[in-house]
Amino acid sequence: MRGGDREAEFREYLLADRTRLMRTALLLTAGDVYTAEDLVQTACTRVYVHWHRIKHEGAGPYAHRILVNAFLDERRRAGRHPEVMTADAVEPRLTDVPDQADTLAIRDALLDLAPRQRAVLVLRYFQDLDVASCARILECTEGTVKSQTAKALKRLKELMTEETGSS
């Protein structure tokens, strides 16, 4: 019944962490529900394949690393361009943002960030991870996380200022 235990353990993990994975994926893809679902499916598949090795070390951090790496890999592929969504599309609700116009402005600004910068902001501010955790997930140094965060915040501020027309 060893296989049954594996299935039950994995199912329990998935029930506990899938919502968080999906939220991260939606933020990384700036609201592209279909791509987010693909990223979560990729992460869950890889977690399942390596369950015997990672279940005791913590599947959550492993799954989030896979999710972020899958997102970054997807953006590196030649010819891959994000779809342009309009306000008429089904929008996921970001509970931290009260206004639909703000949600659209943030989503649009996130789309204009480089993929690694977007990943850093999502991990640091939406997932509330510390610099060391982000560095492990992104497989880079803590200094790189700090510099990418600073650059991303500066760019996000510029984009949001452009969006609102403020100076």
C-alpha atoms as a PDB file:
ATOM      1  CA  MET A   1       0.000   0.000   0.000  1.00  0.00           C
ATOM      2  CA  ARG A   2       3.043   2.205  -0.302  1.00  0.00           C
ATOM      3  CA  GLY A   3       1.730   3.745  -3.526  1.00  0.00           C
ATOM      4  CA  GLY A   4      -1.537   4.576  -1.776  1.00  0.00           C
ATOM      5  CA  ASP A   5       0.369   6.422   0.939  1.00  0.00           C
ATOM      6  CA  ARG A   6       2.195   8.433  -1.694  1.00  0.00           C
ATOM      7  CA  GLU A   7      -1.080   9.357  -3.372  1.00  0.00           C
ATOM      8  CA  ALA A   8      -2.677  10.374  -0.068  1.00  0.00           C
ATOM      9  CA  GLU A   9       0.355  12.419   1.022  1.00  0.00           C
ATOM     10  CA  PHE A  10       0.556  14.192  -2.316  1.00  0.00           C
ATOM     11  CA  ARG A  11      -3.192  14.881  -2.360  1.00  0.00           C
ATOM     12  CA  GLU A  12      -2.934  16.361   1.148  1.00  0.00           C
ATOM     13  CA  TYR A  13      -0.047  18.599   0.092  1.00  0.00           C
ATOM     14  CA  LEU A  14      -1.891  19.692  -3.046  1.00  0.00           C
ATOM     15  CA  LEU A  15      -5.036  20.625  -1.120  1.00  0.00           C
ATOM     16  CA  ALA A  16      -2.942  22.713   1.260  1.00  0.00           C
ATOM     17  CA  ASP A  17      -0.730  24.535  -1.279  1.00  0.00           C
ATOM     18  CA  ARG A  18      -2.519  24.714  -4.651  1.00  0.00           C
ATOM     19  CA  THR A  19      -4.320  27.979  -3.918  1.00  0.00           C
ATOM     20  CA  ARG A  20      -1.044  29.669  -2.959  1.00  0.00           C
ATOM     21  CA  LEU A  21       0.639  28.294  -6.078  1.00  0.00           C
ATOM     22  CA  MET A  22      -2.198  29.595  -8.243  1.00  0.00           C
ATOM     23  CA  ARG A  23      -2.084  33.039  -6.644  1.00  0.00           C
ATOM     24  CA  THR A  24       1.662  33.217  -7.280  1.00  0.00           C
ATOM     25  CA  ALA A  25       1.198  32.060 -10.864  1.00  0.00           C
ATOM     26  CA  LEU A  26      -1.542  34.647 -11.477  1.00  0.00           C
ATOM     27  CA  LEU A  27       0.713  37.377 -10.177  1.00  0.00           C
ATOM     28  CA  LEU A  28       3.668  36.183 -12.245  1.00  0.00           C
ATOM     29  CA  THR A  29       1.544  36.080 -15.398  1.00  0.00           C
ATOM     30  CA  ALA A  30      -0.177  39.358 -14.514  1.00  0.00           C
ATOM     31  CA  GLY A  31      -3.601  37.760 -14.577  1.00  0.00           C
ATOM     32  CA  ASP A  32      -3.275  35.349 -17.516  1.00  0.00           C
ATOM     33  CA  VAL A  33      -5.391  32.568 -16.039  1.00  0.00           C
ATOM     34  CA  TYR A  34      -4.566  29.983 -18.698  1.00  0.00           C
ATOM     35  CA  THR A  35      -0.805  30.405 -18.481  1.00  0.00           C
ATOM     36  CA  ALA A  36      -1.052  30.454 -14.681  1.00  0.00           C
ATOM     37  CA  GLU A  37      -2.914  27.132 -14.735  1.00  0.00           C
ATOM     38  CA  ASP A  38      -0.222  25.681 -17.010  1.00  0.00           C
ATOM     39  CA  LEU A  39       2.514  26.828 -14.630  1.00  0.00           C
ATOM     40  CA  VAL A  40       0.746  25.338 -11.616  1.00  0.00           C
ATOM     41  CA  GLN A  41       0.196  22.071 -13.504  1.00  0.00           C
ATOM     42  CA  THR A  42       3.902  21.948 -14.403  1.00  0.00           C
ATOM     43  CA  ALA A  43       4.898  22.556 -10.775  1.00  0.00           C
ATOM     44  CA  CYS A  44       2.459  19.967  -9.417  1.00  0.00           C
ATOM     45  CA  THR A  45       3.574  17.378 -11.957  1.00  0.00           C
ATOM     46  CA  ARG A  46       7.227  17.815 -11.037  1.00  0.00           C
ATOM     47  CA  VAL A  47       6.440  17.714  -7.318  1.00  0.00           C
ATOM     48  CA  TYR A  48       4.553  14.459  -7.843  1.00  0.00           C
ATOM     49  CA  VAL A  49       7.391  12.897  -9.847  1.00  0.00           C
ATOM     50  CA  HIS A  50       9.929  13.772  -7.152  1.00  0.00           C
ATOM     51  CA  TRP A  51       7.623  13.274  -4.156  1.00  0.00           C
ATOM     52  CA  HIS A  52       9.691  10.467  -2.614  1.00  0.00           C
ATOM     53  CA  ARG A  53      12.714  12.773  -2.459  1.00  0.00           C
ATOM     54  CA  ILE A  54      11.129  16.095  -1.429  1.00  0.00           C
ATOM     55  CA  LYS A  55       8.236  15.217   0.861  1.00  0.00           C
ATOM     56  CA  HIS A  56      10.382  15.416   4.001  1.00  0.00           C
ATOM     57  CA  GLU A  57      12.355  18.484   2.904  1.00  0.00           C
ATOM     58  CA  GLY A  58       9.243  20.490   2.153  1.00  0.00           C
ATOM     59  CA  ALA A  59       7.350  20.326  -1.094  1.00  0.00           C
ATOM     60  CA  GLY A  60       6.171  23.962  -0.868  1.00  0.00           C
ATOM     61  CA  PRO A  61       9.517  25.681  -1.502  1.00  0.00           C
ATOM     62  CA  TYR A  62      10.361  23.128  -4.200  1.00  0.00           C
ATOM     63  CA  ALA A  63       7.016  23.723  -5.939  1.00  0.00           C
ATOM     64  CA  HIS A  64       7.427  27.494  -5.842  1.00  0.00           C
ATOM     65  CA  ARG A  65      10.956  27.231  -7.270  1.00  0.00           C
ATOM     66  CA  ILE A  66       9.615  25.041 -10.094  1.00  0.00           C
ATOM     67  CA  LEU A  67       6.758  27.505 -10.687  1.00  0.00           C
ATOM     68  CA  VAL A  68       9.063  30.528 -10.930  1.00  0.00           C
ATOM     69  CA  ASN A  69      11.590  28.667 -13.093  1.00  0.00           C
ATOM     70  CA  ALA A  70       8.818  27.465 -15.426  1.00  0.00           C
ATOM     71  CA  PHE A  71       7.576  31.055 -15.712  1.00  0.00           C
ATOM     72  CA  LEU A  72      11.070  32.371 -16.496  1.00  0.00           C
ATOM     73  CA  ASP A  73      11.721  29.539 -18.983  1.00  0.00           C
ATOM     74  CA  GLU A  74       8.437  30.255 -20.740  1.00  0.00           C
ATOM     75  CA  ARG A  75       9.411  33.908 -21.161  1.00  0.00           C
ATOM     76  CA  ARG A  76      12.844  32.995 -22.571  1.00  0.00           C
ATOM     77  CA  ARG A  77      11.478  30.903 -25.397  1.00  0.00           C
ATOM     78  CA  ALA A  78      11.876  32.513 -28.773  1.00  0.00           C
ATOM     79  CA  GLY A  79       8.687  33.820 -30.298  1.00  0.00           C
ATOM     80  CA  ARG A  80       6.711  33.710 -27.060  1.00  0.00           C
ATOM     81  CA  HIS A  81       4.842  36.945 -26.437  1.00  0.00           C
ATOM     82  CA  PRO A  82       2.304  37.516 -23.661  1.00  0.00           C
ATOM     83  CA  GLU A  83      -1.269  37.931 -24.796  1.00  0.00           C
ATOM     84  CA  VAL A  84      -2.734  41.386 -24.465  1.00  0.00           C
ATOM     85  CA  MET A  85      -5.814  41.267 -22.277  1.00  0.00           C
ATOM     86  CA  THR A  86      -8.483  43.919 -22.076  1.00  0.00           C
ATOM     87  CA  ALA A  87     -10.843  44.932 -19.320  1.00  0.00           C
ATOM     88  CA  ASP A  88     -13.506  42.814 -21.040  1.00  0.00           C
ATOM     89  CA  ALA A  89     -11.645  39.603 -20.216  1.00  0.00           C
ATOM     90  CA  VAL A  90     -12.417  37.581 -17.118  1.00  0.00           C
ATOM     91  CA  GLU A  91     -10.177  39.179 -14.487  1.00  0.00           C
ATOM     92  CA  PRO A  92      -8.930  37.280 -11.456  1.00  0.00           C
ATOM     93  CA  ARG A  93      -9.543  39.137  -8.230  1.00  0.00           C
ATOM     94  CA  LEU A  94      -6.458  40.324  -6.401  1.00  0.00           C
ATOM     95  CA  THR A  95      -7.872  40.704  -2.898  1.00  0.00           C
ATOM     96  CA  ASP A  96      -5.217  43.228  -1.859  1.00  0.00           C
ATOM     97  CA  VAL A  97      -6.356  45.661  -4.554  1.00  0.00           C
ATOM     98  CA  PRO A  98      -9.812  47.143  -3.898  1.00  0.00           C
ATOM     99  CA  ASP A  99     -10.464  48.919  -7.205  1.00  0.00           C
ATOM    100  CA  GLN A 100     -10.825  47.272 -10.656  1.00  0.00           C
ATOM    101  CA  ALA A 101      -8.993  50.191 -12.292  1.00  0.00           C
ATOM    102  CA  ASP A 102      -6.095  49.729  -9.865  1.00  0.00           C
ATOM    103  CA  THR A 103      -6.065  46.008 -10.590  1.00  0.00           C
ATOM    104  CA  LEU A 104      -5.808  46.655 -14.318  1.00  0.00           C
ATOM    105  CA  ALA A 105      -3.112  49.311 -13.862  1.00  0.00           C
ATOM    106  CA  ILE A 106      -1.005  47.030 -11.670  1.00  0.00           C
ATOM    107  CA  ARG A 107      -1.468  44.098 -14.036  1.00  0.00           C
ATOM    108  CA  ASP A 108      -0.437  46.206 -17.007  1.00  0.00           C
ATOM    109  CA  ALA A 109       2.578  47.575 -15.155  1.00  0.00           C
ATOM    110  CA  LEU A 110       3.630  44.052 -14.100  1.00  0.00           C
ATOM    111  CA  LEU A 111       3.404  42.933 -17.729  1.00  0.00           C
ATOM    112  CA  ASP A 112       5.883  45.650 -18.697  1.00  0.00           C
ATOM    113  CA  LEU A 113       8.494  44.471 -16.182  1.00  0.00           C
ATOM    114  CA  ALA A 114      11.210  42.027 -17.180  1.00  0.00           C
ATOM    115  CA  PRO A 115      10.245  38.481 -16.106  1.00  0.00           C
ATOM    116  CA  ARG A 116      12.925  38.215 -13.371  1.00  0.00           C
ATOM    117  CA  GLN A 117      11.943  41.606 -11.969  1.00  0.00           C
ATOM    118  CA  ARG A 118       8.301  40.557 -11.926  1.00  0.00           C
ATOM    119  CA  ALA A 119       9.258  37.306 -10.194  1.00  0.00           C
ATOM    120  CA  VAL A 120      11.260  39.168  -7.539  1.00  0.00           C
ATOM    121  CA  LEU A 121       8.371  41.527  -6.761  1.00  0.00           C
ATOM    122  CA  VAL A 122       5.828  38.715  -6.602  1.00  0.00           C
ATOM    123  CA  LEU A 123       7.997  36.641  -4.281  1.00  0.00           C
ATOM    124  CA  ARG A 124       9.064  39.542  -2.045  1.00  0.00           C
ATOM    125  CA  TYR A 125       5.840  41.527  -1.751  1.00  0.00           C
ATOM    126  CA  PHE A 126       2.945  39.270  -2.666  1.00  0.00           C
ATOM    127  CA  GLN A 127       4.353  36.053  -1.177  1.00  0.00           C
ATOM    128  CA  ASP A 128       6.105  37.972   1.632  1.00  0.00           C
ATOM    129  CA  LEU A 129       9.332  35.985   1.309  1.00  0.00           C
ATOM    130  CA  ASP A 130      12.624  37.261   2.685  1.00  0.00           C
ATOM    131  CA  VAL A 131      15.637  37.993   0.503  1.00  0.00           C
ATOM    132  CA  ALA A 132      17.342  34.673   1.308  1.00  0.00           C
ATOM    133  CA  SER A 133      14.252  32.642   0.340  1.00  0.00           C
ATOM    134  CA  CYS A 134      13.893  34.558  -2.921  1.00  0.00           C
ATOM    135  CA  ALA A 135      17.562  33.956  -3.702  1.00  0.00           C
ATOM    136  CA  ARG A 136      17.105  30.201  -3.180  1.00  0.00           C
ATOM    137  CA  ILE A 137      14.011  30.075  -5.387  1.00  0.00           C
ATOM    138  CA  LEU A 138      15.558  32.199  -8.136  1.00  0.00           C
ATOM    139  CA  GLU A 139      18.916  30.445  -7.761  1.00  0.00           C
ATOM    140  CA  CYS A 140      20.875  33.683  -7.487  1.00  0.00           C
ATOM    141  CA  THR A 141      22.675  35.681  -4.812  1.00  0.00           C
ATOM    142  CA  GLU A 142      20.949  37.794  -2.187  1.00  0.00           C
ATOM    143  CA  GLY A 143      22.636  40.842  -3.709  1.00  0.00           C
ATOM    144  CA  THR A 144      21.011  40.059  -7.048  1.00  0.00           C
ATOM    145  CA  VAL A 145      17.609  39.819  -5.358  1.00  0.00           C
ATOM    146  CA  LYS A 146      18.159  43.202  -3.700  1.00  0.00           C
ATOM    147  CA  SER A 147      19.326  44.926  -6.888  1.00  0.00           C
ATOM    148  CA  GLN A 148      16.543  43.377  -8.993  1.00  0.00           C
ATOM    149  CA  THR A 149      14.003  44.443  -6.363  1.00  0.00           C
ATOM    150  CA  ALA A 150      15.284  48.019  -6.412  1.00  0.00           C
ATOM    151  CA  LYS A 151      15.263  48.154 -10.216  1.00  0.00           C
ATOM    152  CA  ALA A 152      11.816  46.581 -10.407  1.00  0.00           C
ATOM    153  CA  LEU A 153      10.325  48.971  -7.859  1.00  0.00           C
ATOM    154  CA  LYS A 154      11.827  51.949  -9.665  1.00  0.00           C
ATOM    155  CA  ARG A 155      10.455  50.731 -13.009  1.00  0.00           C
ATOM    156  CA  LEU A 156       7.055  49.903 -11.498  1.00  0.00           C
ATOM    157  CA  LYS A 157       6.857  53.414 -10.042  1.00  0.00           C
ATOM    158  CA  GLU A 158       7.700  54.890 -13.456  1.00  0.00           C
ATOM    159  CA  LEU A 159       5.059  52.751 -15.151  1.00  0.00           C
ATOM    160  CA  MET A 160       2.402  53.593 -12.591  1.00  0.00           C
ATOM    161  CA  THR A 161       3.226  57.304 -12.894  1.00  0.00           C
ATOM    162  CA  GLU A 162       2.875  57.056 -16.680  1.00  0.00           C
ATOM    163  CA  GLU A 163      -0.440  55.211 -16.247  1.00  0.00           C
ATOM    164  CA  THR A 164      -1.937  57.832 -13.942  1.00  0.00           C
ATOM    165  CA  GLY A 165      -0.368  60.766 -15.777  1.00  0.00           C
ATOM    166  CA  SER A 166       1.155  62.127 -12.547  1.00  0.00           C
ATOM    167  CA  SER A 167       4.591  63.586 -12.221  1.00  0.00           C
END
